[in-house]
Amino acid sequence: MPDDLDPAAGITGDARGRLRADCGRCFALCCVAPAFSASVDFAIDKPAGTACPNLNAGFRCAVHEQLRPRGFRGCAVYDCFGAGQQVCQVTYGGRDWRAAPDSARQMFDVFAVMRTLHELLWYLSEALSRPAAAPLHAELHDARARTMLLTCADADTLLAVDVPALRQAVHLLLLQASDLVRAELPGGAGNRRPRRRPRGADLLGANLAGADLRGAALQGTLLIGADLRGADLRGADLLGADLRDTDLHGANLHGALFVVQAQLDAARGDATTALPPALTRPVHWTRTADPTRPDPRTHPVAGSGPGPGTVPIPSSSPSAARPRRSASSPRSPRSPRSPRSPRRR
C-alpha cells in the first residue's frame, strides 16, 4: 500500500483523492439512504431509503446551486469522504439502486459503514502525517491498513463490521497521537496545567474572540455559534467539534488537528481565516475581511486562563436550550453514526 503522506500538508496525493467525494461516480447514495427531519438544516422531512424530491433522473440534485437559500444547508455541508463512489464502483461494480432495486436496501446500509471507514481513514492518515506522532506510527499504519482492506471487502463482510468497536479503537489511537503532537507545541499540552474544560465541553455561543487556544483539546466540543474571531487555534485538536455557525473570521487554524471540510462548511469565515493545508475555503465565506466587524484581537478574552491552550470560561452562557446535534455536524469517532444529508453536484 503506498504511503503518500506529506508531513507538512497532511494527507495528500492518492490518499487524499480516495477520500474525497466524486459525485460523478456515485449514484446519489447520500440523497436516498439517510433520513432527515425538517429543521434549520433541512427544509423537509425525508424517510431513510427514499429519494429526495430534488434528485433528478441523472442522479444529480436539481437545486444544488441553491441549497443554502432553499433551506438545505445540511446537504451543502455533508461529506461522504469518497464512500459513495467506493460503494457504487467497487462494492457493487457499477450497479445502481434504480436498476437493481432488490439490492437497494443493502447498498444503503453498506454506504453507512463505508462512510465510517473512509472518515476513519482520513483521521488515521492525518495522524500519520504528523512527525510528533512517530512513536505511534506503527500502530497507526496497522490500523489504516486494516481499515483500507475493509473498504475493498464485499457487502456481507462490510455489514458484519463491528463499527462501534472499530471507532473506539481508532479514537484511542487518535487521542494518543493528539497528545504527542500538542505536547511539542510552544506552551503545549505537556507544558502547562491541566485543561479547565474536559473534552466534549459545551461552549455554545461562547465569546472566545482573540483567545489563545494553541494546542487546546477541543475534541467533541459544542462550539455552535461561538465567537472565535481572531482566535489562535494552531495545533488545537478539533476532532468532532461542532462548528455550526461558529465565527472563524480572522482565526488561525493552520496546523489544527483533525479538522474536516464539513466543519469548515458549517462555520463562517473569510479570506483572513488561516486553514489547514489539506482543506479548502468554503465558497459561502466572505472573500474579504468584514470591515464592519471590530478587530477581534482588541477584544478581551472571556474569562482568564493560565496560558495557551486553556479554554477560557465564557463570561456568560446562552439561555437557549442545548440543541440536538444536526446531521450536518461532524462527530468524533467515539460512537457510530449513519450519514444524514446529501450534497450532490
C-alpha atoms as a PDB file:
ATOM      1  CA  MET A   1       0.000   0.000   0.000  1.00  0.00           C
ATOM      2  CA  PRO A   2       1.600   3.328  -0.990  1.00  0.00           C
ATOM      3  CA  ASP A   3       2.362   5.758   1.803  1.00  0.00           C
ATOM      4  CA  ASP A   4       1.509   9.029   0.079  1.00  0.00           C
ATOM      5  CA  LEU A   5       1.753  11.320   3.070  1.00  0.00           C
ATOM      6  CA  ASP A   6       3.349  14.735   3.327  1.00  0.00           C
ATOM      7  CA  PRO A   7       4.140  15.763   6.917  1.00  0.00           C
ATOM      8  CA  ALA A   8       3.763  19.435   6.072  1.00  0.00           C
ATOM      9  CA  ALA A   9       0.396  19.228   4.397  1.00  0.00           C
ATOM     10  CA  GLY A  10      -1.338  16.289   5.997  1.00  0.00           C
ATOM     11  CA  ILE A  11      -2.790  13.658   3.695  1.00  0.00           C
ATOM     12  CA  THR A  12      -2.039  14.310   0.049  1.00  0.00           C
ATOM     13  CA  GLY A  13      -1.905  12.727  -3.381  1.00  0.00           C
ATOM     14  CA  ASP A  14      -3.661   9.421  -3.877  1.00  0.00           C
ATOM     15  CA  ALA A  15      -4.635   9.100  -0.204  1.00  0.00           C
ATOM     16  CA  ARG A  16      -6.482  12.409  -0.222  1.00  0.00           C
ATOM     17  CA  GLY A  17      -8.057  11.722  -3.602  1.00  0.00           C
ATOM     18  CA  ARG A  18      -9.522   8.426  -2.447  1.00  0.00           C
ATOM     19  CA  LEU A  19     -11.146  10.182   0.481  1.00  0.00           C
ATOM     20  CA  ARG A  20     -12.822  12.993  -1.449  1.00  0.00           C
ATOM     21  CA  ALA A  21     -16.322  12.726  -2.849  1.00  0.00           C
ATOM     22  CA  ASP A  22     -16.581  12.174  -6.608  1.00  0.00           C
ATOM     23  CA  CYS A  23     -20.289  12.663  -7.247  1.00  0.00           C
ATOM     24  CA  GLY A  24     -19.910  11.790 -10.927  1.00  0.00           C
ATOM     25  CA  ARG A  25     -19.008   8.209  -9.987  1.00  0.00           C
ATOM     26  CA  CYS A  26     -21.737   7.805  -7.368  1.00  0.00           C
ATOM     27  CA  PHE A  27     -25.440   7.044  -7.730  1.00  0.00           C
ATOM     28  CA  ALA A  28     -26.591   9.718  -5.286  1.00  0.00           C
ATOM     29  CA  LEU A  29     -26.497   7.424  -2.266  1.00  0.00           C
ATOM     30  CA  CYS A  30     -26.429  10.387   0.101  1.00  0.00           C
ATOM     31  CA  CYS A  31     -29.650  11.710  -1.472  1.00  0.00           C
ATOM     32  CA  VAL A  32     -31.503   8.460  -0.813  1.00  0.00           C
ATOM     33  CA  ALA A  33     -30.008   6.419   2.032  1.00  0.00           C
ATOM     34  CA  PRO A  34     -30.271   8.751   5.048  1.00  0.00           C
ATOM     35  CA  ALA A  35     -33.340  10.105   6.764  1.00  0.00           C
ATOM     36  CA  PHE A  36     -33.595  13.731   7.795  1.00  0.00           C
ATOM     37  CA  SER A  37     -36.168  15.878   9.526  1.00  0.00           C
ATOM     38  CA  ALA A  38     -37.281  19.415   8.775  1.00  0.00           C
ATOM     39  CA  SER A  39     -35.016  21.739  10.752  1.00  0.00           C
ATOM     40  CA  VAL A  40     -32.640  24.644  10.336  1.00  0.00           C
ATOM     41  CA  ASP A  41     -30.502  22.297   8.206  1.00  0.00           C
ATOM     42  CA  PHE A  42     -33.233  20.677   6.088  1.00  0.00           C
ATOM     43  CA  ALA A  43     -36.344  22.167   4.555  1.00  0.00           C
ATOM     44  CA  ILE A  44     -38.331  18.915   4.502  1.00  0.00           C
ATOM     45  CA  ASP A  45     -38.777  15.540   6.154  1.00  0.00           C
ATOM     46  CA  LYS A  46     -37.357  12.587   4.223  1.00  0.00           C
ATOM     47  CA  PRO A  47     -37.535   8.935   5.296  1.00  0.00           C
ATOM     48  CA  ALA A  48     -34.476   6.707   5.020  1.00  0.00           C
ATOM     49  CA  GLY A  49     -34.255   4.863   1.708  1.00  0.00           C
ATOM     50  CA  THR A  50     -36.486   7.367  -0.084  1.00  0.00           C
ATOM     51  CA  ALA A  51     -35.047   9.565  -2.812  1.00  0.00           C
ATOM     52  CA  CYS A  52     -35.030  13.289  -2.127  1.00  0.00           C
ATOM     53  CA  PRO A  53     -37.616  15.025  -4.362  1.00  0.00           C
ATOM     54  CA  ASN A  54     -34.822  17.242  -5.684  1.00  0.00           C
ATOM     55  CA  LEU A  55     -32.945  14.249  -7.135  1.00  0.00           C
ATOM     56  CA  ASN A  56     -33.258  14.015 -10.912  1.00  0.00           C
ATOM     57  CA  ALA A  57     -33.079  11.048 -13.280  1.00  0.00           C
ATOM     58  CA  GLY A  58     -29.348  11.544 -13.803  1.00  0.00           C
ATOM     59  CA  PHE A  59     -28.557  11.123 -10.095  1.00  0.00           C
ATOM     60  CA  ARG A  60     -27.983  14.856  -9.681  1.00  0.00           C
ATOM     61  CA  CYS A  61     -29.522  17.455  -7.392  1.00  0.00           C
ATOM     62  CA  ALA A  62     -31.809  19.799  -9.303  1.00  0.00           C
ATOM     63  CA  VAL A  63     -31.288  22.610  -6.770  1.00  0.00           C
ATOM     64  CA  HIS A  64     -27.611  22.120  -5.985  1.00  0.00           C
ATOM     65  CA  GLU A  65     -26.688  25.738  -6.681  1.00  0.00           C
ATOM     66  CA  GLN A  66     -29.437  26.980  -4.334  1.00  0.00           C
ATOM     67  CA  LEU A  67     -29.131  24.513  -1.463  1.00  0.00           C
ATOM     68  CA  ARG A  68     -28.480  27.074   1.274  1.00  0.00           C
ATOM     69  CA  PRO A  69     -31.132  29.650   0.303  1.00  0.00           C
ATOM     70  CA  ARG A  70     -33.679  26.850  -0.153  1.00  0.00           C
ATOM     71  CA  GLY A  71     -33.108  25.583   3.379  1.00  0.00           C
ATOM     72  CA  PHE A  72     -30.849  22.608   2.663  1.00  0.00           C
ATOM     73  CA  ARG A  73     -27.734  23.757   4.474  1.00  0.00           C
ATOM     74  CA  GLY A  74     -27.180  20.230   5.775  1.00  0.00           C
ATOM     75  CA  CYS A  75     -26.875  18.985   2.212  1.00  0.00           C
ATOM     76  CA  ALA A  76     -24.280  21.650   1.394  1.00  0.00           C
ATOM     77  CA  VAL A  77     -22.221  20.660   4.425  1.00  0.00           C
ATOM     78  CA  TYR A  78     -22.337  16.872   4.092  1.00  0.00           C
ATOM     79  CA  ASP A  79     -19.209  14.975   3.045  1.00  0.00           C
ATOM     80  CA  CYS A  80     -19.065  11.222   2.413  1.00  0.00           C
ATOM     81  CA  PHE A  81     -15.231  11.141   2.311  1.00  0.00           C
ATOM     82  CA  GLY A  82     -15.422   9.324  -1.035  1.00  0.00           C
ATOM     83  CA  ALA A  83     -17.518   6.461   0.322  1.00  0.00           C
ATOM     84  CA  GLY A  84     -20.198   6.946  -2.330  1.00  0.00           C
ATOM     85  CA  GLN A  85     -18.047   6.150  -5.326  1.00  0.00           C
ATOM     86  CA  GLN A  86     -16.344   3.293  -3.469  1.00  0.00           C
ATOM     87  CA  VAL A  87     -19.672   1.583  -2.792  1.00  0.00           C
ATOM     88  CA  CYS A  88     -21.060   2.199  -6.276  1.00  0.00           C
ATOM     89  CA  GLN A  89     -17.995   1.386  -8.352  1.00  0.00           C
ATOM     90  CA  VAL A  90     -16.108  -1.146  -6.204  1.00  0.00           C
ATOM     91  CA  THR A  91     -18.505  -2.892  -3.823  1.00  0.00           C
ATOM     92  CA  TYR A  92     -21.335  -3.102  -6.373  1.00  0.00           C
ATOM     93  CA  GLY A  93     -19.311  -2.953  -9.588  1.00  0.00           C
ATOM     94  CA  GLY A  94     -21.219  -0.066 -11.156  1.00  0.00           C
ATOM     95  CA  ARG A  95     -24.767  -1.314 -10.445  1.00  0.00           C
ATOM     96  CA  ASP A  96     -27.136   1.412  -9.299  1.00  0.00           C
ATOM     97  CA  TRP A  97     -30.050   1.116  -6.902  1.00  0.00           C
ATOM     98  CA  ARG A  98     -32.617   2.066  -9.540  1.00  0.00           C
ATOM     99  CA  ALA A  99     -31.523  -0.670 -11.940  1.00  0.00           C
ATOM    100  CA  ALA A 100     -31.146  -3.207  -9.119  1.00  0.00           C
ATOM    101  CA  PRO A 101     -33.888  -2.329  -6.602  1.00  0.00           C
ATOM    102  CA  ASP A 102     -33.508  -5.665  -4.808  1.00  0.00           C
ATOM    103  CA  SER A 103     -30.026  -4.562  -3.730  1.00  0.00           C
ATOM    104  CA  ALA A 104     -31.017  -1.032  -2.773  1.00  0.00           C
ATOM    105  CA  ARG A 105     -31.520  -1.534   0.957  1.00  0.00           C
ATOM    106  CA  GLN A 106     -28.293  -3.466   1.330  1.00  0.00           C
ATOM    107  CA  MET A 107     -26.442  -0.837  -0.703  1.00  0.00           C
ATOM    108  CA  PHE A 108     -27.684   1.934   1.572  1.00  0.00           C
ATOM    109  CA  ASP A 109     -26.635   0.014   4.684  1.00  0.00           C
ATOM    110  CA  VAL A 110     -23.204  -0.659   3.196  1.00  0.00           C
ATOM    111  CA  PHE A 111     -22.848   3.036   2.410  1.00  0.00           C
ATOM    112  CA  ALA A 112     -23.258   3.906   6.101  1.00  0.00           C
ATOM    113  CA  VAL A 113     -20.460   1.501   7.036  1.00  0.00           C
ATOM    114  CA  MET A 114     -18.210   2.631   4.186  1.00  0.00           C
ATOM    115  CA  ARG A 115     -18.573   6.267   5.132  1.00  0.00           C
ATOM    116  CA  THR A 116     -17.380   5.479   8.649  1.00  0.00           C
ATOM    117  CA  LEU A 117     -14.376   3.586   7.275  1.00  0.00           C
ATOM    118  CA  HIS A 118     -13.410   6.442   4.968  1.00  0.00           C
ATOM    119  CA  GLU A 119     -13.795   9.016   7.727  1.00  0.00           C
ATOM    120  CA  LEU A 120     -11.521   6.976   9.986  1.00  0.00           C
ATOM    121  CA  LEU A 121      -9.001   6.662   7.150  1.00  0.00           C
ATOM    122  CA  TRP A 122      -8.922  10.448   6.858  1.00  0.00           C
ATOM    123  CA  TYR A 123      -8.092  10.816  10.545  1.00  0.00           C
ATOM    124  CA  LEU A 124      -5.553   7.989  10.566  1.00  0.00           C
ATOM    125  CA  SER A 125      -3.801   9.412   7.524  1.00  0.00           C
ATOM    126  CA  GLU A 126      -3.553  12.810   9.163  1.00  0.00           C
ATOM    127  CA  ALA A 127      -2.150  11.313  12.350  1.00  0.00           C
ATOM    128  CA  LEU A 128       0.474   9.512  10.255  1.00  0.00           C
ATOM    129  CA  SER A 129       1.450  12.804   8.635  1.00  0.00           C
ATOM    130  CA  ARG A 130       2.441  14.282  11.998  1.00  0.00           C
ATOM    131  CA  PRO A 131       6.136  13.710  12.825  1.00  0.00           C
ATOM    132  CA  ALA A 132       5.476  14.198  16.532  1.00  0.00           C
ATOM    133  CA  ALA A 133       3.246  11.109  16.475  1.00  0.00           C
ATOM    134  CA  ALA A 134       6.155   8.924  15.288  1.00  0.00           C
ATOM    135  CA  PRO A 135       6.055   6.684  18.399  1.00  0.00           C
ATOM    136  CA  LEU A 136       2.576   5.608  17.273  1.00  0.00           C
ATOM    137  CA  HIS A 137       3.241   5.332  13.552  1.00  0.00           C
ATOM    138  CA  ALA A 138       3.488   1.539  13.559  1.00  0.00           C
ATOM    139  CA  GLU A 139       0.097   1.197  15.253  1.00  0.00           C
ATOM    140  CA  LEU A 140      -1.416   3.895  13.052  1.00  0.00           C
ATOM    141  CA  HIS A 141      -0.088   2.198   9.904  1.00  0.00           C
ATOM    142  CA  ASP A 142      -1.549  -1.114  11.030  1.00  0.00           C
ATOM    143  CA  ALA A 143      -4.942   0.422  11.809  1.00  0.00           C
ATOM    144  CA  ARG A 144      -5.013   2.226   8.482  1.00  0.00           C
ATOM    145  CA  ALA A 145      -4.015  -0.888   6.525  1.00  0.00           C
ATOM    146  CA  ARG A 146      -6.710  -2.997   8.181  1.00  0.00           C
ATOM    147  CA  THR A 147      -9.325  -0.310   7.600  1.00  0.00           C
ATOM    148  CA  MET A 148      -8.277   0.084   3.970  1.00  0.00           C
ATOM    149  CA  LEU A 149      -8.676  -3.661   3.410  1.00  0.00           C
ATOM    150  CA  LEU A 150     -12.209  -3.488   4.760  1.00  0.00           C
ATOM    151  CA  THR A 151     -13.137  -0.832   2.191  1.00  0.00           C
ATOM    152  CA  CYS A 152     -12.385  -3.375  -0.549  1.00  0.00           C
ATOM    153  CA  ALA A 153     -14.443  -6.159   1.031  1.00  0.00           C
ATOM    154  CA  ASP A 154     -17.776  -7.474  -0.236  1.00  0.00           C
ATOM    155  CA  ALA A 155     -21.119  -6.251   1.053  1.00  0.00           C
ATOM    156  CA  ASP A 156     -21.661  -9.075   3.544  1.00  0.00           C
ATOM    157  CA  THR A 157     -18.234  -8.548   5.099  1.00  0.00           C
ATOM    158  CA  LEU A 158     -18.828  -4.822   5.381  1.00  0.00           C
ATOM    159  CA  LEU A 159     -22.178  -5.306   7.075  1.00  0.00           C
ATOM    160  CA  ALA A 160     -20.530  -7.615   9.624  1.00  0.00           C
ATOM    161  CA  VAL A 161     -18.022  -4.957  10.722  1.00  0.00           C
ATOM    162  CA  ASP A 162     -18.314  -4.022  14.397  1.00  0.00           C
ATOM    163  CA  VAL A 163     -18.428  -0.292  13.726  1.00  0.00           C
ATOM    164  CA  PRO A 164     -18.598   0.893  17.367  1.00  0.00           C
ATOM    165  CA  ALA A 165     -15.583  -1.224  18.327  1.00  0.00           C
ATOM    166  CA  LEU A 166     -13.603  -0.002  15.327  1.00  0.00           C
ATOM    167  CA  ARG A 167     -14.441   3.626  16.072  1.00  0.00           C
ATOM    168  CA  GLN A 168     -13.395   3.216  19.688  1.00  0.00           C
ATOM    169  CA  ALA A 169     -10.074   1.580  18.793  1.00  0.00           C
ATOM    170  CA  VAL A 170      -9.208   4.295  16.288  1.00  0.00           C
ATOM    171  CA  HIS A 171     -10.381   7.022  18.648  1.00  0.00           C
ATOM    172  CA  LEU A 172      -7.967   5.866  21.344  1.00  0.00           C
ATOM    173  CA  LEU A 173      -5.084   5.987  18.867  1.00  0.00           C
ATOM    174  CA  LEU A 174      -6.082   9.462  17.722  1.00  0.00           C
ATOM    175  CA  LEU A 175      -6.199  10.741  21.300  1.00  0.00           C
ATOM    176  CA  GLN A 176      -2.685   9.436  21.900  1.00  0.00           C
ATOM    177  CA  ALA A 177      -1.439  10.980  18.660  1.00  0.00           C
ATOM    178  CA  SER A 178      -3.076  14.273  19.578  1.00  0.00           C
ATOM    179  CA  ASP A 179      -1.391  14.349  22.970  1.00  0.00           C
ATOM    180  CA  LEU A 180       2.009  13.739  21.369  1.00  0.00           C
ATOM    181  CA  VAL A 181       1.547  16.463  18.758  1.00  0.00           C
ATOM    182  CA  ARG A 182       0.181  19.075  21.134  1.00  0.00           C
ATOM    183  CA  ALA A 183       2.876  18.382  23.734  1.00  0.00           C
ATOM    184  CA  GLU A 184       5.517  19.591  21.264  1.00  0.00           C
ATOM    185  CA  LEU A 185       3.859  22.957  20.698  1.00  0.00           C
ATOM    186  CA  PRO A 186       5.297  26.033  22.455  1.00  0.00           C
ATOM    187  CA  GLY A 187       3.314  26.146  25.676  1.00  0.00           C
ATOM    188  CA  GLY A 188       1.692  22.906  24.528  1.00  0.00           C
ATOM    189  CA  ALA A 189      -0.323  20.309  26.372  1.00  0.00           C
ATOM    190  CA  GLY A 190       2.714  18.767  28.035  1.00  0.00           C
ATOM    191  CA  ASN A 191       3.979  22.104  29.395  1.00  0.00           C
ATOM    192  CA  ARG A 192       1.013  23.605  31.191  1.00  0.00           C
ATOM    193  CA  ARG A 193      -1.571  22.942  33.836  1.00  0.00           C
ATOM    194  CA  PRO A 194      -4.474  20.585  33.062  1.00  0.00           C
ATOM    195  CA  ARG A 195      -7.345  21.772  30.895  1.00  0.00           C
ATOM    196  CA  ARG A 196     -10.049  23.684  32.700  1.00  0.00           C
ATOM    197  CA  ARG A 197     -12.662  22.131  30.451  1.00  0.00           C
ATOM    198  CA  PRO A 198     -12.876  18.435  29.536  1.00  0.00           C
ATOM    199  CA  ARG A 199     -13.175  17.017  26.058  1.00  0.00           C
ATOM    200  CA  GLY A 200     -16.723  17.395  24.800  1.00  0.00           C
ATOM    201  CA  ALA A 201     -17.381  20.613  26.730  1.00  0.00           C
ATOM    202  CA  ASP A 202     -20.367  22.796  25.916  1.00  0.00           C
ATOM    203  CA  LEU A 203     -19.150  26.189  24.663  1.00  0.00           C
ATOM    204  CA  LEU A 204     -22.356  27.019  22.859  1.00  0.00           C
ATOM    205  CA  GLY A 205     -22.283  30.698  21.885  1.00  0.00           C
ATOM    206  CA  ALA A 206     -19.131  31.342  23.937  1.00  0.00           C
ATOM    207  CA  ASN A 207     -17.185  34.578  23.493  1.00  0.00           C
ATOM    208  CA  LEU A 208     -13.698  33.353  22.603  1.00  0.00           C
ATOM    209  CA  ALA A 209     -12.724  36.194  20.269  1.00  0.00           C
ATOM    210  CA  GLY A 210      -8.958  36.575  20.171  1.00  0.00           C
ATOM    211  CA  ALA A 211      -8.443  33.628  22.515  1.00  0.00           C
ATOM    212  CA  ASP A 212      -5.089  31.847  22.601  1.00  0.00           C
ATOM    213  CA  LEU A 213      -6.198  28.255  22.028  1.00  0.00           C
ATOM    214  CA  ARG A 214      -2.944  26.864  20.703  1.00  0.00           C
ATOM    215  CA  GLY A 215      -2.869  23.148  21.380  1.00  0.00           C
ATOM    216  CA  ALA A 216      -6.277  23.154  23.063  1.00  0.00           C
ATOM    217  CA  ALA A 217      -8.097  19.835  23.412  1.00  0.00           C
ATOM    218  CA  LEU A 218     -11.454  20.670  21.830  1.00  0.00           C
ATOM    219  CA  GLN A 219     -12.470  17.169  20.746  1.00  0.00           C
ATOM    220  CA  GLY A 220     -16.238  16.858  20.573  1.00  0.00           C
ATOM    221  CA  THR A 221     -16.757  20.380  21.918  1.00  0.00           C
ATOM    222  CA  LEU A 222     -20.023  22.153  21.151  1.00  0.00           C
ATOM    223  CA  LEU A 223     -18.928  25.450  19.605  1.00  0.00           C
ATOM    224  CA  ILE A 224     -22.222  26.216  17.869  1.00  0.00           C
ATOM    225  CA  GLY A 225     -22.479  29.974  17.329  1.00  0.00           C
ATOM    226  CA  ALA A 226     -19.293  30.616  19.315  1.00  0.00           C
ATOM    227  CA  ASP A 227     -17.269  33.754  18.577  1.00  0.00           C
ATOM    228  CA  LEU A 228     -13.766  32.644  17.595  1.00  0.00           C
ATOM    229  CA  ARG A 229     -12.870  35.726  15.582  1.00  0.00           C
ATOM    230  CA  GLY A 230      -9.123  36.152  15.586  1.00  0.00           C
ATOM    231  CA  ALA A 231      -8.624  33.127  17.844  1.00  0.00           C
ATOM    232  CA  ASP A 232      -5.322  31.261  17.601  1.00  0.00           C
ATOM    233  CA  LEU A 233      -6.206  27.589  17.055  1.00  0.00           C
ATOM    234  CA  ARG A 234      -2.847  26.425  15.772  1.00  0.00           C
ATOM    235  CA  GLY A 235      -2.327  22.851  16.877  1.00  0.00           C
ATOM    236  CA  ALA A 236      -5.732  22.662  18.567  1.00  0.00           C
ATOM    237  CA  ASP A 237      -7.499  19.308  18.338  1.00  0.00           C
ATOM    238  CA  LEU A 238     -10.936  19.851  16.769  1.00  0.00           C
ATOM    239  CA  LEU A 239     -11.837  16.199  16.253  1.00  0.00           C
ATOM    240  CA  GLY A 240     -15.626  16.040  16.099  1.00  0.00           C
ATOM    241  CA  ALA A 241     -16.095  19.616  17.359  1.00  0.00           C
ATOM    242  CA  ASP A 242     -19.444  21.094  16.326  1.00  0.00           C
ATOM    243  CA  LEU A 243     -18.665  24.295  14.408  1.00  0.00           C
ATOM    244  CA  ARG A 244     -22.122  25.120  13.100  1.00  0.00           C
ATOM    245  CA  ASP A 245     -22.347  28.911  12.742  1.00  0.00           C
ATOM    246  CA  THR A 246     -19.051  29.321  14.592  1.00  0.00           C
ATOM    247  CA  ASP A 247     -17.486  32.665  13.664  1.00  0.00           C
ATOM    248  CA  LEU A 248     -13.968  31.983  12.373  1.00  0.00           C
ATOM    249  CA  HIS A 249     -13.311  35.384  10.774  1.00  0.00           C
ATOM    250  CA  GLY A 250      -9.592  36.014  11.102  1.00  0.00           C
ATOM    251  CA  ALA A 251      -8.996  32.833  13.120  1.00  0.00           C
ATOM    252  CA  ASN A 252      -5.817  30.803  12.632  1.00  0.00           C
ATOM    253  CA  LEU A 253      -6.456  27.073  12.147  1.00  0.00           C
ATOM    254  CA  HIS A 254      -3.151  26.332  10.448  1.00  0.00           C
ATOM    255  CA  GLY A 255      -1.901  23.039  11.812  1.00  0.00           C
ATOM    256  CA  ALA A 256      -5.114  22.361  13.735  1.00  0.00           C
ATOM    257  CA  LEU A 257      -5.655  18.641  14.253  1.00  0.00           C
ATOM    258  CA  PHE A 258      -8.368  16.512  12.672  1.00  0.00           C
ATOM    259  CA  VAL A 259     -10.359  19.296  11.030  1.00  0.00           C
ATOM    260  CA  VAL A 260     -12.568  18.108   8.169  1.00  0.00           C
ATOM    261  CA  GLN A 261     -14.168  20.037   5.340  1.00  0.00           C
ATOM    262  CA  ALA A 262     -17.681  19.618   6.734  1.00  0.00           C
ATOM    263  CA  GLN A 263     -16.697  21.531   9.862  1.00  0.00           C
ATOM    264  CA  LEU A 264     -15.484  24.495   7.830  1.00  0.00           C
ATOM    265  CA  ASP A 265     -18.532  24.350   5.564  1.00  0.00           C
ATOM    266  CA  ALA A 266     -20.774  24.584   8.637  1.00  0.00           C
ATOM    267  CA  ALA A 267     -18.893  27.569  10.056  1.00  0.00           C
ATOM    268  CA  ARG A 268     -18.490  31.202   8.984  1.00  0.00           C
ATOM    269  CA  GLY A 269     -15.199  32.748   7.981  1.00  0.00           C
ATOM    270  CA  ASP A 270     -13.456  34.974   5.478  1.00  0.00           C
ATOM    271  CA  ALA A 271     -10.310  35.420   3.412  1.00  0.00           C
ATOM    272  CA  THR A 272      -8.254  36.075   6.547  1.00  0.00           C
ATOM    273  CA  THR A 273      -9.101  32.726   8.164  1.00  0.00           C
ATOM    274  CA  ALA A 274      -5.983  30.533   8.024  1.00  0.00           C
ATOM    275  CA  LEU A 275      -6.845  26.920   7.159  1.00  0.00           C
ATOM    276  CA  PRO A 276      -5.120  23.540   7.401  1.00  0.00           C
ATOM    277  CA  PRO A 277      -3.389  22.920   4.033  1.00  0.00           C
ATOM    278  CA  ALA A 278      -5.480  19.876   3.050  1.00  0.00           C
ATOM    279  CA  LEU A 279      -8.777  21.796   3.212  1.00  0.00           C
ATOM    280  CA  THR A 280     -10.393  24.425   1.002  1.00  0.00           C
ATOM    281  CA  ARG A 281     -12.052  27.725   1.795  1.00  0.00           C
ATOM    282  CA  PRO A 282     -15.858  27.316   1.659  1.00  0.00           C
ATOM    283  CA  VAL A 283     -17.490  29.157  -1.218  1.00  0.00           C
ATOM    284  CA  HIS A 284     -20.070  30.799   1.052  1.00  0.00           C
ATOM    285  CA  TRP A 285     -17.435  32.514   3.205  1.00  0.00           C
ATOM    286  CA  THR A 286     -16.873  36.220   2.638  1.00  0.00           C
ATOM    287  CA  ARG A 287     -13.990  36.871   0.270  1.00  0.00           C
ATOM    288  CA  THR A 288     -12.538  39.790   2.210  1.00  0.00           C
ATOM    289  CA  ALA A 289     -12.339  40.749   5.848  1.00  0.00           C
ATOM    290  CA  ASP A 290     -15.588  42.276   7.085  1.00  0.00           C
ATOM    291  CA  PRO A 291     -14.857  45.974   7.735  1.00  0.00           C
ATOM    292  CA  THR A 292     -17.965  46.294   9.932  1.00  0.00           C
ATOM    293  CA  ARG A 293     -16.561  43.873  12.480  1.00  0.00           C
ATOM    294  CA  PRO A 294     -14.241  45.163  15.224  1.00  0.00           C
ATOM    295  CA  ASP A 295     -10.746  43.716  15.317  1.00  0.00           C
ATOM    296  CA  PRO A 296     -11.116  40.586  17.471  1.00  0.00           C
ATOM    297  CA  ARG A 297      -7.534  40.930  18.649  1.00  0.00           C
ATOM    298  CA  THR A 298      -8.552  44.045  20.596  1.00  0.00           C
ATOM    299  CA  HIS A 299     -11.332  42.190  22.433  1.00  0.00           C
ATOM    300  CA  PRO A 300     -10.692  40.976  25.968  1.00  0.00           C
ATOM    301  CA  VAL A 301     -10.750  37.194  26.056  1.00  0.00           C
ATOM    302  CA  ALA A 302     -13.765  35.975  28.006  1.00  0.00           C
ATOM    303  CA  GLY A 303     -12.619  34.720  31.370  1.00  0.00           C
ATOM    304  CA  SER A 304      -8.960  34.126  32.138  1.00  0.00           C
ATOM    305  CA  GLY A 305      -6.713  31.132  31.951  1.00  0.00           C
ATOM    306  CA  PRO A 306      -3.188  30.062  32.869  1.00  0.00           C
ATOM    307  CA  GLY A 307      -1.818  30.040  29.336  1.00  0.00           C
ATOM    308  CA  PRO A 308      -2.092  28.951  25.723  1.00  0.00           C
ATOM    309  CA  GLY A 309      -4.486  26.131  25.004  1.00  0.00           C
ATOM    310  CA  THR A 310      -6.589  26.566  28.117  1.00  0.00           C
ATOM    311  CA  VAL A 311     -10.177  27.141  27.087  1.00  0.00           C
ATOM    312  CA  PRO A 312     -11.373  30.337  28.820  1.00  0.00           C
ATOM    313  CA  ILE A 313     -14.598  30.181  30.790  1.00  0.00           C
ATOM    314  CA  PRO A 314     -17.164  32.286  28.898  1.00  0.00           C
ATOM    315  CA  SER A 315     -18.310  35.443  30.644  1.00  0.00           C
ATOM    316  CA  SER A 316     -21.910  34.435  30.029  1.00  0.00           C
ATOM    317  CA  SER A 317     -23.727  31.427  28.715  1.00  0.00           C
ATOM    318  CA  PRO A 318     -26.718  31.457  26.381  1.00  0.00           C
ATOM    319  CA  SER A 319     -30.092  30.745  27.866  1.00  0.00           C
ATOM    320  CA  ALA A 320     -31.235  28.745  24.849  1.00  0.00           C
ATOM    321  CA  ALA A 321     -31.626  25.039  25.342  1.00  0.00           C
ATOM    322  CA  ARG A 322     -28.761  22.900  24.134  1.00  0.00           C
ATOM    323  CA  PRO A 323     -29.628  21.970  20.538  1.00  0.00           C
ATOM    324  CA  ARG A 324     -29.658  18.486  19.167  1.00  0.00           C
ATOM    325  CA  ARG A 325     -26.604  17.691  17.075  1.00  0.00           C
ATOM    326  CA  SER A 326     -27.713  18.005  13.499  1.00  0.00           C
ATOM    327  CA  ALA A 327     -26.885  15.638  10.691  1.00  0.00           C
ATOM    328  CA  SER A 328     -24.552  18.211   9.196  1.00  0.00           C
ATOM    329  CA  SER A 329     -22.222  18.393  12.166  1.00  0.00           C
ATOM    330  CA  PRO A 330     -19.217  16.090  12.303  1.00  0.00           C
ATOM    331  CA  ARG A 331     -18.645  13.694  15.191  1.00  0.00           C
ATOM    332  CA  SER A 332     -15.644  12.289  16.910  1.00  0.00           C
ATOM    333  CA  PRO A 333     -15.116   8.592  16.154  1.00  0.00           C
ATOM    334  CA  ARG A 334     -16.296   7.567  19.606  1.00  0.00           C
ATOM    335  CA  SER A 335     -19.657   6.251  18.525  1.00  0.00           C
ATOM    336  CA  PRO A 336     -21.216   5.028  15.291  1.00  0.00           C
ATOM    337  CA  ARG A 337     -23.299   7.178  13.055  1.00  0.00           C
ATOM    338  CA  SER A 338     -25.105   6.981   9.796  1.00  0.00           C
ATOM    339  CA  PRO A 339     -24.890   9.534   7.020  1.00  0.00           C
ATOM    340  CA  ARG A 340     -27.610  12.102   7.269  1.00  0.00           C
ATOM    341  CA  SER A 341     -27.599  14.527   4.418  1.00  0.00           C
ATOM    342  CA  PRO A 342     -26.689  14.716   0.753  1.00  0.00           C
ATOM    343  CA  ARG A 343     -24.628  17.066  -1.297  1.00  0.00           C
ATOM    344  CA  ARG A 344     -24.926  16.485  -5.000  1.00  0.00           C
ATOM    345  CA  ARG A 345     -23.339  18.365  -7.824  1.00  0.00           C
END
